């Protein structure tokens, strides 16, 4: 086993588990830094005995971040939140936490730092989420100039909260809303179909994380996107098709979505917040000229290849039975 050590903050999450597996396959010793190490024990079989080690780390505490990066050759920060709760604010996680990891990595003499941001990160965005992602990038670069920043589009894969969510909704709801900003304006009720996204496969994102650890990519920013642009309507339609459940799609103006979000964001795990409605008003597409997967030698994977492999579990097992 190689003596190289990688510390992965957020290694038990959706993207993190794929990153940990790829690092282990390449011979890295992997330290998974997480607030609840017990919850990351499922990652240990993804490497040889003793190769993957969950450890405690709290991004709000300097001492725990410093301990987590001590002796590491590579540090990867994948921690992010989609909504705020208590002390888990966008500022605390995306900016202050990211800055703390970068500063600790620099002080510890870490060779490479990879920071996960998000496509659409913009200090001028109407969304607090996107502004915090941009501020986090600036804070990381200020502390660790050679950090590599990755901005993925919406990520899909077996554990995603995108296709799985719509497929789950389709199991009990006869109607599914499609939030649109230009519906009922001469292009039909759905307009152009809602927000446009160039979805990216989690496996491709994880491979990019591992590849950009090479010294040649230091200080670069990459935007990670798949091969196809989808509208929100197309994404929901794909979810229904591959889960074997057809439902009525209903166009819903973003103004109505804001009203819904006022109440939904109060739930313990909100399916929609007011800030996310602001995100839906802007297409989530890569910036022309920014390096991406192709520059790393990665051929992006199509959603049509992967999504059917995990949405089949939502299919009605009795749908084929003829009771006549």
Protein backbone atom coordinates (compact mmCIF):
# COMPACT_ATOMS: atom_id res chain seq x y z
CA UNK A 1 0.00 0.00 0.00
CA UNK A 2 1.26 3.49 -0.87
CA UNK A 3 2.39 5.84 1.88
CA UNK A 4 0.35 8.67 0.37
CA UNK A 5 -2.34 10.00 2.70
CA UNK A 6 -5.49 11.84 1.60
CA UNK A 7 -7.86 13.56 4.02
CA UNK A 8 -11.41 13.85 2.69
CA UNK A 9 -13.77 16.22 4.49
CA UNK A 10 -17.34 15.12 3.81
CA UNK A 11 -16.15 11.72 2.61
CA UNK A 12 -19.32 9.90 3.67
CA UNK A 13 -21.61 12.03 1.49
CA UNK A 14 -23.07 11.41 -1.94
CA UNK A 15 -19.95 12.46 -3.85
CA UNK A 16 -17.54 11.64 -1.03
CA UNK A 17 -18.16 7.89 -0.97
CA UNK A 18 -17.27 7.67 -4.66
CA UNK A 19 -14.13 9.77 -4.13
CA UNK A 20 -13.02 7.58 -1.22
CA UNK A 21 -13.47 4.44 -3.29
CA UNK A 22 -11.39 5.81 -6.17
CA UNK A 23 -8.62 7.01 -3.88
CA UNK A 24 -8.46 3.62 -2.20
CA UNK A 25 -8.35 1.87 -5.58
CA UNK A 26 -5.30 3.99 -6.47
CA UNK A 27 -3.53 2.97 -3.28
CA UNK A 28 -4.07 6.07 -1.18
CA UNK A 29 -4.55 5.79 2.55
CA UNK A 30 -7.79 7.68 3.15
CA UNK A 31 -8.70 9.62 6.27
CA UNK A 32 -12.43 10.43 6.17
CA UNK A 33 -12.97 13.59 8.25
CA UNK A 34 -16.55 13.76 9.49
CA UNK A 35 -18.52 14.97 12.52
CA UNK A 36 -19.87 11.45 13.14
CA UNK A 37 -17.13 8.85 12.42
CA UNK A 38 -19.50 6.01 13.31
CA UNK A 39 -21.67 6.98 10.33
CA UNK A 40 -18.71 6.50 7.97
CA UNK A 41 -17.77 2.95 8.91
CA UNK A 42 -19.59 1.67 5.83
CA UNK A 43 -16.70 3.12 3.79
CA UNK A 44 -14.03 0.87 5.31
CA UNK A 45 -14.78 -2.18 3.09
CA UNK A 46 -14.10 0.03 0.06
CA UNK A 47 -10.38 -0.32 0.75
CA UNK A 48 -8.00 -2.87 2.22
CA UNK A 49 -7.91 -3.45 5.97
CA UNK A 50 -6.89 -0.20 7.65
CA UNK A 51 -6.76 1.74 4.38
CA UNK A 52 -9.89 3.85 5.03
CA UNK A 53 -10.12 5.46 8.47
CA UNK A 54 -13.02 7.67 9.63
CA UNK A 55 -11.95 10.39 12.10
CA UNK A 56 -13.77 13.17 13.92
CA UNK A 57 -13.62 16.66 12.42
CA UNK A 58 -15.77 19.73 12.90
CA UNK A 59 -15.23 22.54 10.39
CA UNK A 60 -16.10 25.06 13.11
CA UNK A 61 -13.19 23.96 15.33
CA UNK A 62 -9.60 24.76 14.38
CA UNK A 63 -8.04 21.99 16.46
CA UNK A 64 -10.09 19.22 14.86
CA UNK A 65 -9.44 20.47 11.31
CA UNK A 66 -5.72 20.77 12.04
CA UNK A 67 -5.64 17.24 13.46
CA UNK A 68 -7.48 15.88 10.42
CA UNK A 69 -5.01 17.32 7.90
CA UNK A 70 -1.83 16.55 9.86
CA UNK A 71 0.54 14.45 7.78
CA UNK A 72 -1.70 14.47 4.68
CA UNK A 73 -0.33 14.84 1.16
CA UNK A 74 -3.75 15.65 -0.30
CA UNK A 75 -6.76 17.38 1.27
CA UNK A 76 -10.20 17.32 -0.34
CA UNK A 77 -13.09 19.42 0.95
CA UNK A 78 -16.47 18.17 -0.23
CA UNK A 79 -18.58 19.64 2.58
CA UNK A 80 -21.64 21.59 1.50
CA UNK A 81 -25.25 22.20 2.51
CA UNK A 82 -28.34 22.96 0.43
CA UNK A 83 -30.28 24.74 3.18
CA UNK A 84 -29.49 26.41 6.49
CA UNK A 85 -30.35 25.06 9.92
CA UNK A 86 -29.14 26.48 13.25
CA UNK A 87 -25.36 26.90 13.22
CA UNK A 88 -25.13 25.17 9.84
CA UNK A 89 -25.35 28.34 7.75
CA UNK A 90 -23.97 28.97 4.27
CA UNK A 91 -21.44 31.38 5.77
CA UNK A 92 -20.30 28.92 8.43
CA UNK A 93 -19.96 25.93 6.10
CA UNK A 94 -19.18 27.26 2.62
CA UNK A 95 -17.00 30.22 3.65
CA UNK A 96 -15.63 29.98 7.19
CA UNK A 97 -15.30 26.18 7.16
CA UNK A 98 -13.69 26.15 3.73
CA UNK A 99 -11.23 28.88 4.78
CA UNK A 100 -10.37 26.91 7.93
CA UNK A 101 -9.58 23.77 5.92
CA UNK A 102 -7.46 25.71 3.42
CA UNK A 103 -5.50 27.53 6.12
CA UNK A 104 -4.87 24.31 8.06
CA UNK A 105 -3.75 22.50 4.90
CA UNK A 106 -1.32 25.29 4.04
CA UNK A 107 0.10 25.38 7.56
CA UNK A 108 0.53 21.59 7.56
CA UNK A 109 2.52 21.65 4.33
CA UNK A 110 -0.11 19.75 2.33
CA UNK A 111 0.92 19.35 -1.31
CA UNK A 112 -2.52 19.51 -2.95
CA UNK A 113 -5.91 20.91 -1.97
CA UNK A 114 -9.12 20.23 -3.91
CA UNK A 115 -12.16 22.34 -3.02
CA UNK A 116 -15.67 21.47 -4.15
CA UNK A 117 -17.74 24.51 -5.07
CA UNK A 118 -20.78 24.60 -7.37
CA UNK A 119 -21.61 25.67 -10.90
CA UNK A 120 -23.18 29.10 -10.79
CA UNK A 121 -21.06 30.34 -7.87
CA UNK A 122 -21.31 34.10 -8.23
CA UNK A 123 -20.78 36.96 -5.74
CA UNK A 124 -23.57 38.89 -7.51
CA UNK A 125 -26.12 36.06 -7.47
CA UNK A 126 -29.58 36.63 -6.00
CA UNK A 127 -29.15 33.30 -4.21
CA UNK A 128 -27.40 33.24 -0.83
CA UNK A 129 -26.22 29.70 -1.65
CA UNK A 130 -24.42 30.78 -4.83
CA UNK A 131 -22.96 33.90 -3.20
CA UNK A 132 -21.57 31.79 -0.35
CA UNK A 133 -20.01 29.34 -2.80
CA UNK A 134 -18.24 32.23 -4.55
CA UNK A 135 -17.09 33.66 -1.22
CA UNK A 136 -15.82 30.22 -0.24
CA UNK A 137 -13.75 29.99 -3.41
CA UNK A 138 -12.17 33.39 -2.68
CA UNK A 139 -11.43 32.40 0.92
CA UNK A 140 -9.79 29.15 -0.16
CA UNK A 141 -7.63 30.84 -2.78
CA UNK A 142 -6.57 33.52 -0.27
CA UNK A 143 -5.33 30.83 2.13
CA UNK A 144 -4.04 28.26 -0.39
CA UNK A 145 -3.27 29.83 -3.78
CA UNK A 146 -2.61 26.49 -5.47
CA UNK A 147 -5.98 24.99 -4.55
CA UNK A 148 -7.97 23.39 -7.37
CA UNK A 149 -11.62 24.43 -7.43
CA UNK A 150 -14.31 22.21 -8.95
CA UNK A 151 -17.74 23.50 -9.88
CA UNK A 152 -20.06 20.61 -10.75
CA UNK A 153 -23.49 21.03 -12.26
CA UNK A 154 -26.36 19.14 -10.61
CA UNK A 155 -24.97 15.68 -9.89
CA UNK A 156 -26.83 12.44 -10.59
CA UNK A 157 -26.13 8.89 -9.47
CA UNK A 158 -27.60 6.04 -7.39
CA UNK A 159 -27.85 8.08 -4.17
CA UNK A 160 -28.82 11.41 -5.77
CA UNK A 161 -31.51 13.76 -4.50
CA UNK A 162 -32.64 14.64 -8.01
CA UNK A 163 -34.03 11.74 -10.03
CA UNK A 164 -34.70 9.76 -6.86
CA UNK A 165 -36.79 12.59 -5.43
CA UNK A 166 -39.02 12.89 -8.48
CA UNK A 167 -39.37 9.11 -8.75
CA UNK A 168 -40.37 8.96 -5.09
CA UNK A 169 -42.94 11.71 -5.56
CA UNK A 170 -44.37 9.83 -8.53
CA UNK A 171 -45.11 6.80 -6.32
CA UNK A 172 -47.85 8.66 -4.47
CA UNK A 173 -48.66 11.95 -6.23
CA UNK A 174 -50.83 12.02 -9.39
CA UNK A 175 -49.43 15.48 -10.27
CA UNK A 176 -45.86 16.73 -10.45
CA UNK A 177 -45.11 20.47 -10.71
CA UNK A 178 -42.68 21.88 -13.27
CA UNK A 179 -41.47 25.28 -12.12
CA UNK A 180 -41.21 27.63 -15.10
CA UNK A 181 -40.28 31.28 -15.54
CA UNK A 182 -41.50 31.71 -19.13
CA UNK A 183 -44.63 29.57 -19.27
CA UNK A 184 -47.93 30.83 -20.65
CA UNK A 185 -46.07 33.36 -22.84
CA UNK A 186 -46.65 32.15 -26.36
CA UNK A 187 -44.53 28.98 -26.05
CA UNK A 188 -47.24 26.92 -24.40
CA UNK A 189 -47.88 26.51 -20.69
CA UNK A 190 -44.43 25.00 -20.02
CA UNK A 191 -42.52 27.66 -21.95
CA UNK A 192 -38.99 26.38 -22.54
CA UNK A 193 -39.45 23.66 -19.90
CA UNK A 194 -37.98 25.31 -16.82
CA UNK A 195 -34.41 25.58 -15.59
CA UNK A 196 -31.71 24.17 -17.90
CA UNK A 197 -29.05 21.94 -16.36
CA UNK A 198 -26.10 20.07 -17.85
CA UNK A 199 -26.26 17.19 -15.38
CA UNK A 200 -23.01 15.41 -14.47
CA UNK A 201 -22.53 11.81 -13.29
CA UNK A 202 -21.18 11.36 -9.76
CA UNK A 203 -18.61 8.86 -11.00
CA UNK A 204 -17.20 11.45 -13.40
CA UNK A 205 -17.07 14.06 -10.63
CA UNK A 206 -15.22 11.64 -8.33
CA UNK A 207 -12.74 10.79 -11.07
CA UNK A 208 -12.14 14.51 -11.65
CA UNK A 209 -11.48 15.05 -7.94
CA UNK A 210 -8.78 12.39 -7.97
CA UNK A 211 -7.19 13.54 -11.24
CA UNK A 212 -6.87 17.23 -10.33
CA UNK A 213 -4.70 16.29 -7.36
CA UNK A 214 -1.78 16.20 -9.82
CA UNK A 215 0.60 19.17 -9.53
CA UNK A 216 -0.04 20.27 -13.12
CA UNK A 217 -3.56 21.43 -12.21
CA UNK A 218 -2.63 23.58 -9.21
CA UNK A 219 -4.55 26.86 -9.06
CA UNK A 220 -7.04 25.87 -11.78
CA UNK A 221 -10.82 26.04 -11.75
CA UNK A 222 -12.91 23.41 -13.55
CA UNK A 223 -16.62 23.35 -14.33
CA UNK A 224 -17.91 19.80 -14.48
CA UNK A 225 -20.85 19.12 -16.78
CA UNK A 226 -22.29 16.16 -18.63
CA UNK A 227 -22.80 15.78 -22.38
CA UNK A 228 -26.43 16.95 -22.54
CA UNK A 229 -28.47 19.98 -21.49
CA UNK A 230 -31.82 19.06 -19.94
CA UNK A 231 -34.76 21.21 -18.93
CA UNK A 232 -36.44 20.60 -15.58
CA UNK A 233 -39.41 19.19 -17.46
CA UNK A 234 -37.18 16.68 -19.27
CA UNK A 235 -35.55 15.63 -15.98
CA UNK A 236 -38.93 14.96 -14.36
CA UNK A 237 -40.12 13.12 -17.47
CA UNK A 238 -37.00 10.92 -17.39
CA UNK A 239 -37.62 10.16 -13.73
CA UNK A 240 -41.12 8.93 -14.55
CA UNK A 241 -40.04 6.97 -17.61
CA UNK A 242 -37.26 5.05 -15.87
CA UNK A 243 -39.28 4.45 -12.71
CA UNK A 244 -42.20 3.13 -14.75
CA UNK A 245 -44.71 5.65 -13.40
CA UNK A 246 -46.52 8.19 -15.56
CA UNK A 247 -48.03 11.24 -13.89
CA UNK A 248 -49.54 14.54 -15.02
CA UNK A 249 -47.00 17.35 -15.27
CA UNK A 250 -48.35 20.73 -14.21
CA UNK A 251 -46.58 24.01 -15.11
CA UNK A 252 -46.14 26.23 -12.08
CA UNK A 253 -44.87 29.85 -12.25
CA UNK A 254 -41.93 30.60 -10.00
CA UNK A 255 -44.09 33.09 -8.09
CA UNK A 256 -46.24 30.17 -6.94
CA UNK A 257 -43.14 28.16 -6.10
CA UNK A 258 -42.05 30.96 -3.74
CA UNK A 259 -45.35 30.71 -1.88
CA UNK A 260 -44.94 26.94 -1.56
CA UNK A 261 -41.34 27.35 -0.40
CA UNK A 262 -42.37 29.68 2.43
CA UNK A 263 -44.02 26.68 4.08
CA UNK A 264 -41.90 23.80 2.76
CA UNK A 265 -38.66 25.35 4.04
CA UNK A 266 -39.96 24.95 7.60
CA UNK A 267 -39.79 21.13 7.32
CA UNK A 268 -36.84 19.29 8.94
CA UNK A 269 -35.54 18.35 5.46
CA UNK A 270 -37.20 20.88 3.14
CA UNK A 271 -37.85 19.75 -0.45
CA UNK A 272 -37.81 23.41 -1.53
CA UNK A 273 -36.66 26.70 0.01
CA UNK A 274 -37.07 30.31 -1.07
CA UNK A 275 -33.36 30.47 -1.85
CA UNK A 276 -33.64 27.40 -4.09
CA UNK A 277 -36.47 29.08 -5.99
CA UNK A 278 -34.01 31.87 -6.80
CA UNK A 279 -31.62 29.22 -8.15
CA UNK A 280 -34.38 27.80 -10.35
CA UNK A 281 -34.74 31.20 -12.02
CA UNK A 282 -31.26 30.86 -13.58
CA UNK A 283 -29.97 28.14 -15.92
CA UNK A 284 -27.20 26.01 -14.41
CA UNK A 285 -24.79 25.73 -17.35
CA UNK A 286 -20.98 25.88 -17.70
CA UNK A 287 -19.21 29.08 -18.65
CA UNK A 288 -17.76 29.10 -22.15
CA UNK A 289 -13.98 28.68 -22.14
CA UNK A 290 -13.73 27.28 -18.60
CA UNK A 291 -11.85 23.93 -18.39
CA UNK A 292 -14.00 20.87 -17.80
CA UNK A 293 -14.02 17.08 -17.85
CA UNK A 294 -12.56 16.86 -21.34
CA UNK A 295 -9.44 18.74 -20.22
CA UNK A 296 -8.91 16.02 -17.63
CA UNK A 297 -9.30 13.25 -20.19
CA UNK A 298 -12.74 12.23 -18.87
CA UNK A 299 -15.55 11.42 -21.29
CA UNK A 300 -18.80 12.58 -19.61
CA UNK A 301 -21.41 9.91 -18.96
CA UNK A 302 -24.97 10.35 -20.19
CA UNK A 303 -27.85 10.27 -17.72
CA UNK A 304 -29.71 7.88 -20.03
CA UNK A 305 -27.01 5.27 -19.43
CA UNK A 306 -26.97 5.44 -15.62
CA UNK A 307 -30.38 6.56 -14.37
CA UNK A 308 -32.32 3.45 -15.49
CA UNK A 309 -29.98 1.27 -13.41
CA UNK A 310 -31.17 2.73 -10.12
CA UNK A 311 -34.68 4.04 -10.75
CA UNK A 312 -35.94 0.56 -11.64
CA UNK A 313 -36.45 -0.06 -7.91
CA UNK A 314 -39.42 2.32 -8.01
CA UNK A 315 -41.28 0.27 -10.60
CA UNK A 316 -44.56 -1.27 -9.52
CA UNK A 317 -43.88 -5.02 -9.27
CA UNK A 318 -47.55 -5.79 -10.00
CA UNK A 319 -47.86 -3.50 -13.04
CA UNK A 320 -47.48 -6.44 -15.49
CA UNK A 321 -50.21 -8.55 -13.90
CA UNK A 322 -53.47 -8.76 -15.86
CA UNK A 323 -56.39 -9.16 -13.45
CA UNK A 324 -59.00 -9.44 -16.18
